[in-house]
N, C-alpha and C. Protein backbone atom coordinates (compact mmCIF):
# COMPACT_ATOMS: atom_id res chain seq x y z
N MET A 1 0.85 -1.19 0.00
CA MET A 1 0.00 0.00 0.00
C MET A 1 0.88 1.24 0.00
N GLU A 2 0.53 2.22 -0.82
CA GLU A 2 1.29 3.46 -0.87
C GLU A 2 0.55 4.55 -0.13
N GLN A 3 1.32 5.41 0.54
CA GLN A 3 0.74 6.53 1.24
C GLN A 3 1.20 7.82 0.60
N GLY A 4 1.14 8.91 1.37
CA GLY A 4 1.47 10.22 0.84
C GLY A 4 2.95 10.47 0.75
N PRO A 5 3.34 11.74 0.53
CA PRO A 5 4.73 12.08 0.30
C PRO A 5 5.51 12.33 1.57
N ALA A 6 6.82 12.19 1.46
CA ALA A 6 7.73 12.72 2.48
C ALA A 6 8.28 14.00 1.91
N ALA A 7 8.02 15.12 2.55
CA ALA A 7 8.43 16.39 1.97
C ALA A 7 8.86 17.36 3.06
N TRP A 8 9.95 18.09 2.80
CA TRP A 8 10.38 19.14 3.72
C TRP A 8 11.57 19.84 3.11
N CYS A 9 12.09 20.84 3.83
CA CYS A 9 13.21 21.60 3.29
C CYS A 9 14.37 21.61 4.27
N CYS A 10 15.58 21.84 3.73
CA CYS A 10 16.82 21.95 4.49
C CYS A 10 16.98 20.79 5.47
N ALA A 11 16.97 21.06 6.79
CA ALA A 11 17.11 19.98 7.77
C ALA A 11 15.94 19.02 7.68
N GLY A 12 14.74 19.54 7.40
CA GLY A 12 13.58 18.68 7.23
C GLY A 12 13.74 17.79 6.01
N GLY A 13 14.36 18.34 4.96
CA GLY A 13 14.65 17.54 3.77
C GLY A 13 15.62 16.42 4.08
N ASN A 14 16.56 16.71 4.96
CA ASN A 14 17.49 15.68 5.43
C ASN A 14 16.73 14.55 6.12
N LEU A 15 15.84 14.92 7.03
CA LEU A 15 15.08 13.91 7.77
C LEU A 15 14.16 13.12 6.84
N ALA A 16 13.52 13.82 5.90
CA ALA A 16 12.63 13.13 4.96
C ALA A 16 13.41 12.13 4.11
N ALA A 17 14.59 12.53 3.63
CA ALA A 17 15.40 11.64 2.81
C ALA A 17 15.90 10.45 3.62
N ALA A 18 16.37 10.72 4.84
CA ALA A 18 16.88 9.64 5.69
C ALA A 18 15.78 8.67 6.09
N LEU A 19 14.63 9.20 6.46
CA LEU A 19 13.52 8.33 6.85
C LEU A 19 13.00 7.53 5.65
N GLY A 20 13.00 8.17 4.47
CA GLY A 20 12.59 7.45 3.27
C GLY A 20 13.47 6.22 3.04
N GLN A 21 14.77 6.39 3.25
CA GLN A 21 15.69 5.26 3.09
C GLN A 21 15.42 4.19 4.14
N GLN A 22 15.20 4.62 5.38
CA GLN A 22 14.98 3.66 6.46
C GLN A 22 13.66 2.91 6.26
N PHE A 23 12.61 3.61 5.87
CA PHE A 23 11.32 2.98 5.65
C PHE A 23 11.42 1.87 4.60
N ASN A 24 12.13 2.15 3.53
CA ASN A 24 12.21 1.19 2.44
C ASN A 24 13.10 0.00 2.76
N GLN A 25 13.87 0.08 3.83
CA GLN A 25 14.69 -1.06 4.26
C GLN A 25 14.00 -1.89 5.33
N ASP A 26 12.86 -1.42 5.81
CA ASP A 26 12.15 -2.12 6.88
C ASP A 26 11.09 -3.03 6.27
N ALA A 27 11.36 -4.32 6.26
CA ALA A 27 10.44 -5.28 5.64
C ALA A 27 9.13 -5.40 6.39
N ASN A 28 9.09 -4.92 7.62
CA ASN A 28 7.87 -5.03 8.42
C ASN A 28 6.86 -3.92 8.12
N LEU A 29 7.29 -2.90 7.40
CA LEU A 29 6.39 -1.80 7.07
C LEU A 29 5.64 -2.12 5.79
N LYS A 30 4.32 -2.21 5.87
CA LYS A 30 3.51 -2.51 4.70
C LYS A 30 3.22 -1.27 3.87
N ASN A 31 3.09 -0.12 4.55
CA ASN A 31 2.83 1.12 3.84
C ASN A 31 4.14 1.72 3.33
N LYS A 32 4.17 2.04 2.06
CA LYS A 32 5.37 2.59 1.45
C LYS A 32 5.11 4.02 0.96
N LEU A 33 6.16 4.81 0.94
CA LEU A 33 6.03 6.17 0.43
C LEU A 33 5.75 6.15 -1.07
N LYS A 34 4.83 7.00 -1.48
CA LYS A 34 4.52 7.10 -2.91
C LYS A 34 5.51 8.01 -3.61
N VAL A 35 5.83 9.14 -3.00
CA VAL A 35 6.81 10.09 -3.53
C VAL A 35 7.57 10.70 -2.36
N GLN A 36 8.70 11.33 -2.70
CA GLN A 36 9.38 12.17 -1.72
C GLN A 36 9.73 13.49 -2.40
N ALA A 37 9.60 14.58 -1.66
CA ALA A 37 9.89 15.91 -2.18
C ALA A 37 10.83 16.60 -1.21
N LEU A 38 11.99 16.98 -1.71
CA LEU A 38 13.05 17.55 -0.89
C LEU A 38 13.36 18.97 -1.36
N ILE A 39 13.16 19.94 -0.47
CA ILE A 39 13.34 21.35 -0.81
C ILE A 39 14.67 21.84 -0.26
N TYR A 40 15.59 22.22 -1.15
CA TYR A 40 16.99 22.55 -0.82
C TYR A 40 17.49 21.79 0.42
N PRO A 41 17.55 20.46 0.29
CA PRO A 41 17.91 19.63 1.44
C PRO A 41 19.41 19.64 1.74
N VAL A 42 19.76 19.45 3.00
CA VAL A 42 21.15 19.22 3.40
C VAL A 42 21.32 17.71 3.52
N LEU A 43 22.29 17.14 2.78
CA LEU A 43 22.33 15.70 2.63
C LEU A 43 23.68 15.06 2.96
N GLN A 44 24.69 15.85 3.28
CA GLN A 44 25.98 15.26 3.58
C GLN A 44 26.84 16.20 4.40
N ALA A 45 27.75 15.58 5.20
CA ALA A 45 28.70 16.35 6.02
C ALA A 45 30.12 15.89 5.75
N LEU A 46 30.33 15.24 4.62
CA LEU A 46 31.64 14.73 4.26
C LEU A 46 32.53 15.81 3.66
N ASP A 47 31.91 16.68 2.85
CA ASP A 47 32.69 17.66 2.08
C ASP A 47 32.02 19.02 2.15
N PHE A 48 32.67 19.95 2.82
CA PHE A 48 32.17 21.32 2.92
C PHE A 48 32.87 22.24 1.93
N ASN A 49 33.40 21.63 0.86
CA ASN A 49 34.06 22.41 -0.19
C ASN A 49 33.61 21.97 -1.57
N THR A 50 32.37 21.53 -1.69
CA THR A 50 31.80 21.31 -3.01
C THR A 50 31.76 22.67 -3.72
N PRO A 51 31.57 22.71 -5.03
CA PRO A 51 31.52 24.00 -5.72
C PRO A 51 30.51 24.97 -5.12
N SER A 52 29.34 24.48 -4.70
CA SER A 52 28.35 25.41 -4.15
C SER A 52 28.78 25.93 -2.78
N TYR A 53 29.48 25.14 -1.99
CA TYR A 53 30.02 25.64 -0.73
C TYR A 53 31.10 26.69 -0.99
N GLN A 54 31.92 26.46 -2.00
CA GLN A 54 32.97 27.43 -2.32
C GLN A 54 32.37 28.70 -2.91
N GLN A 55 31.41 28.53 -3.80
CA GLN A 55 30.80 29.69 -4.47
C GLN A 55 30.01 30.56 -3.52
N ASN A 56 29.30 29.92 -2.59
CA ASN A 56 28.37 30.65 -1.72
C ASN A 56 28.85 30.70 -0.27
N VAL A 57 30.16 30.69 -0.10
CA VAL A 57 30.75 30.60 1.23
C VAL A 57 30.21 31.64 2.21
N ASN A 58 29.94 32.85 1.72
CA ASN A 58 29.45 33.92 2.59
C ASN A 58 28.07 34.43 2.18
N THR A 59 27.34 33.62 1.44
CA THR A 59 26.04 34.06 0.93
C THR A 59 24.95 33.95 2.00
N PRO A 60 24.20 35.04 2.21
CA PRO A 60 23.01 34.92 3.07
C PRO A 60 22.02 33.98 2.35
N ILE A 61 21.17 33.28 2.98
CA ILE A 61 20.83 33.27 4.38
C ILE A 61 21.64 32.22 5.12
N LEU A 62 22.40 31.43 4.39
CA LEU A 62 23.06 30.27 4.98
C LEU A 62 24.52 30.22 4.55
N PRO A 63 25.41 31.00 5.15
CA PRO A 63 26.83 30.90 4.84
C PRO A 63 27.41 29.58 5.33
N ARG A 64 28.52 29.20 4.76
CA ARG A 64 29.11 27.89 5.08
C ARG A 64 29.38 27.72 6.57
N TYR A 65 29.93 28.72 7.22
CA TYR A 65 30.25 28.61 8.65
C TYR A 65 29.01 28.22 9.45
N VAL A 66 27.88 28.82 9.13
CA VAL A 66 26.64 28.55 9.87
C VAL A 66 26.19 27.12 9.62
N MET A 67 26.28 26.66 8.36
CA MET A 67 25.84 25.29 8.05
C MET A 67 26.70 24.27 8.78
N VAL A 68 28.01 24.48 8.83
CA VAL A 68 28.89 23.56 9.55
C VAL A 68 28.57 23.58 11.03
N LYS A 69 28.33 24.77 11.56
CA LYS A 69 27.98 24.90 12.97
C LYS A 69 26.68 24.15 13.27
N TYR A 70 25.73 24.20 12.34
CA TYR A 70 24.47 23.47 12.53
C TYR A 70 24.72 21.97 12.66
N TRP A 71 25.65 21.43 11.84
CA TRP A 71 25.97 20.01 11.94
C TRP A 71 26.52 19.69 13.33
N VAL A 72 27.40 20.54 13.83
CA VAL A 72 27.97 20.31 15.16
C VAL A 72 26.88 20.41 16.22
N ASP A 73 26.00 21.40 16.07
CA ASP A 73 24.88 21.56 17.00
C ASP A 73 23.99 20.31 17.00
N TYR A 74 23.74 19.79 15.81
CA TYR A 74 22.82 18.66 15.64
C TYR A 74 23.23 17.48 16.51
N PHE A 75 24.54 17.27 16.63
CA PHE A 75 25.04 16.12 17.39
C PHE A 75 25.71 16.52 18.70
N ASN A 76 25.42 17.76 19.13
CA ASN A 76 25.95 18.24 20.41
C ASN A 76 27.47 18.07 20.47
N GLY A 77 28.12 18.44 19.35
CA GLY A 77 29.56 18.30 19.26
C GLY A 77 30.31 19.49 19.81
N ASN A 78 31.61 19.47 19.62
CA ASN A 78 32.50 20.50 20.13
C ASN A 78 32.67 21.60 19.09
N TYR A 79 32.38 22.84 19.47
CA TYR A 79 32.53 23.96 18.53
C TYR A 79 33.97 24.15 18.07
N ASP A 80 34.92 23.61 18.82
CA ASP A 80 36.32 23.70 18.41
C ASP A 80 36.56 22.97 17.10
N PHE A 81 35.65 22.08 16.71
CA PHE A 81 35.81 21.31 15.48
C PHE A 81 35.40 22.09 14.23
N VAL A 82 34.67 23.17 14.38
CA VAL A 82 34.05 23.84 13.23
C VAL A 82 35.08 24.28 12.20
N GLN A 83 36.11 24.99 12.60
CA GLN A 83 37.09 25.49 11.64
C GLN A 83 37.80 24.35 10.93
N ALA A 84 38.08 23.26 11.64
CA ALA A 84 38.72 22.10 11.01
C ALA A 84 37.79 21.45 9.98
N MET A 85 36.50 21.39 10.30
CA MET A 85 35.54 20.80 9.37
C MET A 85 35.37 21.65 8.13
N ILE A 86 35.45 22.95 8.26
CA ILE A 86 35.31 23.85 7.12
C ILE A 86 36.33 23.54 6.03
N VAL A 87 37.53 23.13 6.43
CA VAL A 87 38.58 22.82 5.45
C VAL A 87 38.71 21.30 5.24
N ASN A 88 37.68 20.55 5.63
CA ASN A 88 37.61 19.09 5.42
C ASN A 88 38.68 18.31 6.19
N ASN A 89 39.13 18.84 7.30
CA ASN A 89 40.09 18.08 8.11
C ASN A 89 39.45 16.84 8.74
N HIS A 90 38.13 16.85 8.85
CA HIS A 90 37.45 15.69 9.46
C HIS A 90 37.36 14.50 8.52
N THR A 91 37.61 14.72 7.22
CA THR A 91 37.58 13.63 6.24
C THR A 91 38.88 13.59 5.44
N SER A 92 39.96 13.94 6.07
CA SER A 92 41.27 13.91 5.41
C SER A 92 41.64 12.47 5.06
N LEU A 93 42.70 12.31 4.28
CA LEU A 93 43.07 10.99 3.79
C LEU A 93 43.46 10.02 4.89
N ASP A 94 43.84 10.55 6.04
CA ASP A 94 44.22 9.66 7.14
C ASP A 94 43.04 9.27 8.03
N VAL A 95 41.83 9.70 7.65
CA VAL A 95 40.62 9.31 8.38
C VAL A 95 40.01 8.10 7.69
N GLY A 96 40.31 6.93 8.23
CA GLY A 96 39.90 5.69 7.58
C GLY A 96 38.40 5.56 7.40
N GLU A 97 37.62 6.11 8.34
CA GLU A 97 36.17 6.00 8.27
C GLU A 97 35.59 6.67 7.01
N ALA A 98 36.32 7.63 6.45
CA ALA A 98 35.81 8.38 5.29
C ALA A 98 36.19 7.74 3.96
N ALA A 99 37.18 6.87 3.98
CA ALA A 99 37.75 6.35 2.73
C ALA A 99 36.70 5.69 1.83
N ALA A 100 35.88 4.81 2.40
CA ALA A 100 34.91 4.06 1.59
C ALA A 100 33.75 4.92 1.11
N LEU A 101 33.60 6.11 1.67
CA LEU A 101 32.44 6.94 1.34
C LEU A 101 32.72 7.95 0.24
N ARG A 102 33.98 8.19 -0.05
CA ARG A 102 34.32 9.25 -1.00
C ARG A 102 33.76 8.98 -2.40
N ALA A 103 33.66 7.71 -2.77
CA ALA A 103 33.13 7.38 -4.10
C ALA A 103 31.67 7.80 -4.24
N HIS A 104 30.94 7.82 -3.12
CA HIS A 104 29.53 8.22 -3.15
C HIS A 104 29.39 9.74 -3.27
N LEU A 105 30.49 10.46 -3.08
CA LEU A 105 30.43 11.92 -3.05
C LEU A 105 31.53 12.53 -3.91
N ASN A 106 31.81 11.89 -5.02
CA ASN A 106 32.82 12.39 -5.94
C ASN A 106 32.19 13.42 -6.87
N TRP A 107 32.19 14.67 -6.42
CA TRP A 107 31.45 15.68 -7.18
C TRP A 107 32.09 16.00 -8.53
N THR A 108 33.34 15.63 -8.73
CA THR A 108 33.95 15.88 -10.04
C THR A 108 33.28 15.03 -11.12
N SER A 109 32.64 13.94 -10.72
CA SER A 109 31.92 13.11 -11.69
C SER A 109 30.41 13.24 -11.55
N LEU A 110 29.92 13.60 -10.38
CA LEU A 110 28.47 13.69 -10.17
C LEU A 110 27.89 15.01 -10.64
N LEU A 111 28.72 16.05 -10.73
CA LEU A 111 28.23 17.36 -11.13
C LEU A 111 28.66 17.70 -12.55
N PRO A 112 27.83 18.41 -13.31
CA PRO A 112 28.20 18.79 -14.68
C PRO A 112 29.27 19.88 -14.69
N ALA A 113 29.94 20.00 -15.82
CA ALA A 113 31.01 20.99 -15.96
C ALA A 113 30.51 22.41 -15.75
N SER A 114 29.24 22.66 -16.04
CA SER A 114 28.67 23.99 -15.85
C SER A 114 28.64 24.40 -14.39
N ILE A 115 28.74 23.42 -13.49
CA ILE A 115 28.75 23.69 -12.05
C ILE A 115 30.16 23.57 -11.48
N THR A 116 30.90 22.55 -11.89
CA THR A 116 32.25 22.38 -11.33
C THR A 116 33.18 23.52 -11.76
N LYS A 117 32.98 24.03 -12.98
CA LYS A 117 33.77 25.17 -13.47
C LYS A 117 35.25 24.97 -13.19
N THR A 118 35.87 25.90 -12.50
CA THR A 118 37.30 25.78 -12.19
C THR A 118 37.54 25.43 -10.72
N TYR A 119 36.48 25.03 -10.02
CA TYR A 119 36.63 24.69 -8.61
C TYR A 119 37.42 23.39 -8.47
N LYS A 120 38.23 23.33 -7.43
CA LYS A 120 39.06 22.16 -7.17
C LYS A 120 38.65 21.49 -5.86
N PRO A 121 38.69 20.16 -5.81
CA PRO A 121 38.39 19.46 -4.55
C PRO A 121 39.38 19.86 -3.46
N VAL A 122 38.89 19.91 -2.24
CA VAL A 122 39.74 20.18 -1.08
C VAL A 122 39.83 18.89 -0.29
N MET A 123 40.99 18.24 -0.37
CA MET A 123 41.20 16.98 0.33
C MET A 123 42.53 17.05 1.06
N GLN A 124 42.46 17.08 2.37
CA GLN A 124 43.67 17.18 3.17
C GLN A 124 44.35 15.82 3.30
N THR A 125 45.67 15.83 3.33
CA THR A 125 46.42 14.58 3.53
C THR A 125 46.30 14.11 4.97
N THR A 126 46.47 15.03 5.89
CA THR A 126 46.32 14.72 7.31
C THR A 126 45.34 15.72 7.92
N GLY A 127 44.60 15.26 8.91
CA GLY A 127 43.61 16.14 9.53
C GLY A 127 43.41 15.81 10.98
N ASN A 128 42.17 15.94 11.41
CA ASN A 128 41.82 15.71 12.81
C ASN A 128 40.96 14.45 12.90
N THR A 129 41.58 13.32 13.16
CA THR A 129 40.84 12.06 13.22
C THR A 129 39.89 12.00 14.41
N ARG A 130 40.11 12.88 15.37
CA ARG A 130 39.27 12.88 16.57
C ARG A 130 37.83 13.29 16.27
N ILE A 131 37.64 14.09 15.22
CA ILE A 131 36.30 14.64 14.96
C ILE A 131 35.28 13.54 14.70
N VAL A 132 35.56 12.65 13.74
CA VAL A 132 34.57 11.61 13.43
C VAL A 132 34.56 10.51 14.48
N GLN A 133 35.61 10.44 15.29
CA GLN A 133 35.57 9.51 16.41
C GLN A 133 34.58 9.98 17.47
N GLU A 134 34.52 11.31 17.66
CA GLU A 134 33.60 11.87 18.64
C GLU A 134 32.21 12.12 18.06
N ILE A 135 32.15 12.37 16.74
CA ILE A 135 30.85 12.61 16.08
C ILE A 135 30.74 11.65 14.89
N PRO A 136 30.59 10.36 15.14
CA PRO A 136 30.53 9.39 14.03
C PRO A 136 29.31 9.58 13.14
N GLN A 137 28.29 10.26 13.66
CA GLN A 137 27.06 10.48 12.87
C GLN A 137 27.32 11.30 11.62
N LEU A 138 28.41 12.06 11.58
CA LEU A 138 28.73 12.85 10.39
C LEU A 138 28.90 11.98 9.16
N LEU A 139 29.32 10.74 9.38
CA LEU A 139 29.57 9.82 8.26
C LEU A 139 28.61 8.64 8.27
N ASP A 140 27.42 8.87 8.79
CA ASP A 140 26.39 7.85 8.87
C ASP A 140 25.26 8.21 7.91
N ALA A 141 24.89 7.29 7.03
CA ALA A 141 23.84 7.58 6.04
C ALA A 141 22.51 7.91 6.68
N ARG A 142 22.31 7.53 7.93
CA ARG A 142 21.06 7.87 8.62
C ARG A 142 20.98 9.35 8.93
N SER A 143 22.10 10.05 8.89
CA SER A 143 22.08 11.51 9.05
C SER A 143 22.59 12.21 7.80
N ALA A 144 23.27 11.47 6.93
CA ALA A 144 23.79 12.03 5.68
C ALA A 144 23.38 11.14 4.52
N PRO A 145 22.12 11.19 4.11
CA PRO A 145 21.57 10.22 3.14
C PRO A 145 22.23 10.21 1.78
N LEU A 146 22.96 11.24 1.43
CA LEU A 146 23.64 11.26 0.13
C LEU A 146 24.70 10.16 0.03
N ILE A 147 25.23 9.71 1.16
CA ILE A 147 26.30 8.72 1.12
C ILE A 147 25.79 7.28 1.25
N ALA A 148 24.49 7.09 1.15
CA ALA A 148 23.92 5.74 1.23
C ALA A 148 24.38 4.89 0.05
N ASP A 149 24.38 3.58 0.26
CA ASP A 149 24.76 2.66 -0.81
C ASP A 149 23.73 2.69 -1.94
N GLN A 150 24.17 2.37 -3.13
CA GLN A 150 23.31 2.37 -4.31
C GLN A 150 22.13 1.42 -4.15
N GLU A 151 22.35 0.31 -3.48
CA GLU A 151 21.28 -0.67 -3.29
C GLU A 151 20.14 -0.08 -2.47
N VAL A 152 20.46 0.80 -1.55
CA VAL A 152 19.43 1.49 -0.76
C VAL A 152 18.66 2.47 -1.62
N LEU A 153 19.37 3.20 -2.46
CA LEU A 153 18.74 4.24 -3.27
C LEU A 153 17.75 3.68 -4.29
N ARG A 154 18.04 2.52 -4.82
CA ARG A 154 17.21 2.02 -5.93
C ARG A 154 15.79 1.65 -5.51
N HIS A 155 15.55 1.57 -4.22
CA HIS A 155 14.21 1.23 -3.73
C HIS A 155 13.38 2.46 -3.37
N LEU A 156 13.93 3.64 -3.60
CA LEU A 156 13.23 4.87 -3.21
C LEU A 156 12.14 5.24 -4.22
N PRO A 157 11.14 5.99 -3.77
CA PRO A 157 10.03 6.36 -4.66
C PRO A 157 10.38 7.52 -5.59
N LYS A 158 9.46 7.82 -6.46
CA LYS A 158 9.59 8.98 -7.33
C LYS A 158 9.96 10.21 -6.49
N THR A 159 10.90 11.00 -6.98
CA THR A 159 11.49 12.05 -6.14
C THR A 159 11.49 13.42 -6.83
N TYR A 160 11.19 14.43 -6.04
CA TYR A 160 11.30 15.83 -6.46
C TYR A 160 12.36 16.49 -5.60
N ILE A 161 13.32 17.17 -6.23
CA ILE A 161 14.36 17.89 -5.50
C ILE A 161 14.44 19.31 -6.05
N LEU A 162 14.26 20.28 -5.15
CA LEU A 162 14.37 21.68 -5.54
C LEU A 162 15.70 22.23 -5.04
N THR A 163 16.46 22.85 -5.94
CA THR A 163 17.74 23.44 -5.58
C THR A 163 17.80 24.89 -6.04
N CYS A 164 18.65 25.66 -5.38
CA CYS A 164 18.81 27.08 -5.70
C CYS A 164 20.29 27.38 -5.97
N GLU A 165 20.52 28.24 -6.94
CA GLU A 165 21.89 28.56 -7.33
C GLU A 165 22.69 29.20 -6.20
N HIS A 166 22.06 30.10 -5.47
CA HIS A 166 22.76 30.86 -4.44
C HIS A 166 22.54 30.20 -3.07
N ASP A 167 23.10 29.00 -2.94
CA ASP A 167 22.85 28.18 -1.75
C ASP A 167 24.01 27.20 -1.59
N VAL A 168 24.59 27.15 -0.39
CA VAL A 168 25.68 26.19 -0.17
C VAL A 168 25.22 24.75 -0.37
N LEU A 169 23.92 24.50 -0.23
CA LEU A 169 23.38 23.15 -0.34
C LEU A 169 23.00 22.75 -1.76
N ARG A 170 23.20 23.63 -2.70
CA ARG A 170 22.82 23.34 -4.09
C ARG A 170 23.35 22.00 -4.57
N ASP A 171 24.63 21.75 -4.37
CA ASP A 171 25.24 20.54 -4.92
C ASP A 171 24.82 19.27 -4.20
N ASP A 172 24.45 19.39 -2.92
CA ASP A 172 23.91 18.22 -2.22
C ASP A 172 22.70 17.68 -2.97
N GLY A 173 21.79 18.59 -3.32
CA GLY A 173 20.57 18.19 -4.02
C GLY A 173 20.84 17.66 -5.41
N ILE A 174 21.74 18.32 -6.14
CA ILE A 174 22.03 17.91 -7.51
C ILE A 174 22.73 16.55 -7.53
N MET A 175 23.65 16.34 -6.60
CA MET A 175 24.34 15.05 -6.53
C MET A 175 23.38 13.93 -6.14
N TYR A 176 22.45 14.23 -5.24
CA TYR A 176 21.48 13.20 -4.85
C TYR A 176 20.60 12.83 -6.02
N ALA A 177 20.19 13.84 -6.78
CA ALA A 177 19.39 13.58 -7.97
C ALA A 177 20.15 12.67 -8.94
N LYS A 178 21.42 12.94 -9.13
CA LYS A 178 22.24 12.14 -10.05
C LYS A 178 22.37 10.71 -9.54
N ARG A 179 22.61 10.55 -8.24
CA ARG A 179 22.77 9.20 -7.69
C ARG A 179 21.45 8.43 -7.76
N LEU A 180 20.34 9.11 -7.50
CA LEU A 180 19.05 8.45 -7.59
C LEU A 180 18.75 8.01 -9.02
N GLU A 181 19.02 8.89 -9.98
CA GLU A 181 18.80 8.54 -11.38
C GLU A 181 19.66 7.34 -11.78
N SER A 182 20.89 7.31 -11.32
CA SER A 182 21.78 6.18 -11.62
C SER A 182 21.26 4.88 -11.01
N ALA A 183 20.48 5.02 -9.93
CA ALA A 183 19.91 3.84 -9.27
C ALA A 183 18.57 3.45 -9.87
N GLY A 184 18.10 4.20 -10.87
CA GLY A 184 16.86 3.86 -11.55
C GLY A 184 15.62 4.53 -11.00
N VAL A 185 15.80 5.53 -10.13
CA VAL A 185 14.67 6.25 -9.55
C VAL A 185 14.26 7.40 -10.48
N GLU A 186 12.96 7.61 -10.62
CA GLU A 186 12.46 8.73 -11.42
C GLU A 186 12.61 10.01 -10.61
N VAL A 187 13.36 10.97 -11.14
CA VAL A 187 13.69 12.18 -10.38
C VAL A 187 13.35 13.43 -11.20
N THR A 188 12.76 14.40 -10.52
CA THR A 188 12.59 15.74 -11.08
C THR A 188 13.51 16.67 -10.31
N LEU A 189 14.52 17.21 -10.99
CA LEU A 189 15.41 18.20 -10.37
C LEU A 189 14.95 19.57 -10.82
N ASP A 190 14.45 20.36 -9.89
CA ASP A 190 13.87 21.67 -10.18
C ASP A 190 14.84 22.74 -9.68
N HIS A 191 15.67 23.27 -10.58
CA HIS A 191 16.72 24.21 -10.19
C HIS A 191 16.34 25.64 -10.56
N PHE A 192 16.59 26.56 -9.62
CA PHE A 192 16.26 27.97 -9.84
C PHE A 192 17.54 28.79 -9.82
N GLU A 193 17.89 29.34 -10.97
CA GLU A 193 19.12 30.11 -11.11
C GLU A 193 19.13 31.37 -10.25
N ASP A 194 17.96 31.92 -9.99
CA ASP A 194 17.90 33.14 -9.17
C ASP A 194 17.47 32.82 -7.75
N GLY A 195 17.45 31.55 -7.38
CA GLY A 195 16.99 31.16 -6.06
C GLY A 195 18.08 31.25 -5.01
N PHE A 196 17.66 31.35 -3.76
CA PHE A 196 18.58 31.36 -2.63
C PHE A 196 17.97 30.52 -1.52
N HIS A 197 18.78 30.12 -0.57
CA HIS A 197 18.30 29.23 0.46
C HIS A 197 17.16 29.88 1.26
N GLY A 198 16.06 29.14 1.37
CA GLY A 198 14.91 29.63 2.12
C GLY A 198 13.96 30.50 1.32
N CYS A 199 14.21 30.66 0.02
CA CYS A 199 13.43 31.62 -0.76
C CYS A 199 11.95 31.28 -0.83
N MET A 200 11.59 30.01 -0.65
CA MET A 200 10.20 29.63 -0.78
C MET A 200 9.29 30.25 0.28
N ILE A 201 9.87 30.67 1.39
CA ILE A 201 9.03 31.28 2.44
C ILE A 201 8.72 32.74 2.15
N PHE A 202 9.39 33.33 1.16
CA PHE A 202 9.20 34.75 0.87
C PHE A 202 8.10 34.93 -0.18
N THR A 203 6.87 34.73 0.24
CA THR A 203 5.75 34.80 -0.69
C THR A 203 4.66 35.77 -0.24
N SER A 204 4.88 36.45 0.87
CA SER A 204 3.86 37.36 1.39
C SER A 204 4.45 38.77 1.55
N TRP A 205 3.62 39.76 1.31
CA TRP A 205 4.05 41.14 1.44
C TRP A 205 4.57 41.40 2.84
N PRO A 206 5.67 42.13 3.03
CA PRO A 206 6.42 42.90 2.03
C PRO A 206 7.58 42.13 1.40
N THR A 207 7.66 40.84 1.66
CA THR A 207 8.75 40.05 1.07
C THR A 207 8.18 39.01 0.10
N ASN A 208 7.25 39.45 -0.73
CA ASN A 208 6.67 38.55 -1.73
C ASN A 208 7.55 38.55 -2.98
N PHE A 209 8.69 37.86 -2.87
CA PHE A 209 9.66 37.82 -3.95
C PHE A 209 9.15 36.91 -5.08
N SER A 210 9.49 37.30 -6.29
CA SER A 210 9.11 36.51 -7.45
C SER A 210 9.62 35.08 -7.35
N VAL A 211 10.88 34.92 -6.95
CA VAL A 211 11.45 33.57 -6.89
C VAL A 211 10.78 32.74 -5.80
N GLY A 212 10.33 33.38 -4.73
CA GLY A 212 9.61 32.65 -3.70
C GLY A 212 8.29 32.11 -4.22
N ILE A 213 7.58 32.93 -4.95
CA ILE A 213 6.29 32.52 -5.51
C ILE A 213 6.48 31.43 -6.56
N ARG A 214 7.50 31.59 -7.40
CA ARG A 214 7.74 30.60 -8.46
C ARG A 214 8.18 29.25 -7.90
N THR A 215 9.04 29.24 -6.88
CA THR A 215 9.44 27.95 -6.29
C THR A 215 8.26 27.27 -5.63
N ARG A 216 7.47 28.04 -4.91
CA ARG A 216 6.30 27.46 -4.26
C ARG A 216 5.34 26.87 -5.28
N ASN A 217 5.04 27.63 -6.33
CA ASN A 217 4.09 27.18 -7.33
C ASN A 217 4.60 25.96 -8.10
N SER A 218 5.89 25.93 -8.36
CA SER A 218 6.48 24.81 -9.08
C SER A 218 6.40 23.53 -8.26
N TYR A 219 6.68 23.66 -6.98
CA TYR A 219 6.60 22.52 -6.06
C TYR A 219 5.17 21.99 -5.96
N ILE A 220 4.23 22.90 -5.78
CA ILE A 220 2.82 22.49 -5.67
C ILE A 220 2.33 21.86 -6.96
N LYS A 221 2.76 22.39 -8.08
CA LYS A 221 2.37 21.81 -9.37
C LYS A 221 2.86 20.37 -9.48
N TRP A 222 4.09 20.12 -9.06
CA TRP A 222 4.63 18.76 -9.13
C TRP A 222 3.82 17.83 -8.23
N LEU A 223 3.48 18.29 -7.03
CA LEU A 223 2.67 17.47 -6.14
C LEU A 223 1.33 17.16 -6.76
N ASP A 224 0.69 18.16 -7.34
CA ASP A 224 -0.62 17.96 -7.97
C ASP A 224 -0.55 16.90 -9.07
N GLN A 225 0.57 16.87 -9.77
CA GLN A 225 0.70 15.96 -10.92
C GLN A 225 1.15 14.56 -10.52
N ASN A 226 1.68 14.42 -9.30
CA ASN A 226 2.29 13.14 -8.95
C ASN A 226 1.69 12.44 -7.73
N LEU A 227 0.81 13.10 -7.01
CA LEU A 227 0.17 12.44 -5.88
C LEU A 227 -1.09 11.68 -6.30
């Protein structure tokens, strides 16, 4: 039996994606998700130097420092780790826990040239191995669904992902769409070149922005057509 959608944005998009994966792995659950809709979701904590993180490092409403701090907050971690995580010291080459996951997050192959442009991966040779030892959830697919195995992804329902150009999380959504498509999932990637993180809430006067109205309407249209 199929039920309604799993849908939310940012951290909620993270939870919706993670729960969608968990639900589909639970053989005891008879009700399955019909669709999932993820609005500028945060999906990984392995790499804080994807092209969108580099491009939008200081972009309101969600600069990179704040997003990394949110990850630390989420797991009640040590704020002393934030600066190290910003430069990917938590997933440096000497962090064995990260080695097997890098293939799931190789943005040089998952993202098109129009996005990678001249950006270069940031991969430290040595870093702070203590970070993932104290916060192992950073590298757990239950909190970072983008790094889930392909076998998990192929069982997911039809998916809608909305991304915005001016958002550190842009590439999380685009890479997830690519991985889902590779797993055989039907995906609609709805990208807004003039969008920014959180823009969908700006639909009422005096902040009734055009991009807010268009993202909202596009999302609702997809739901109407797919539920």
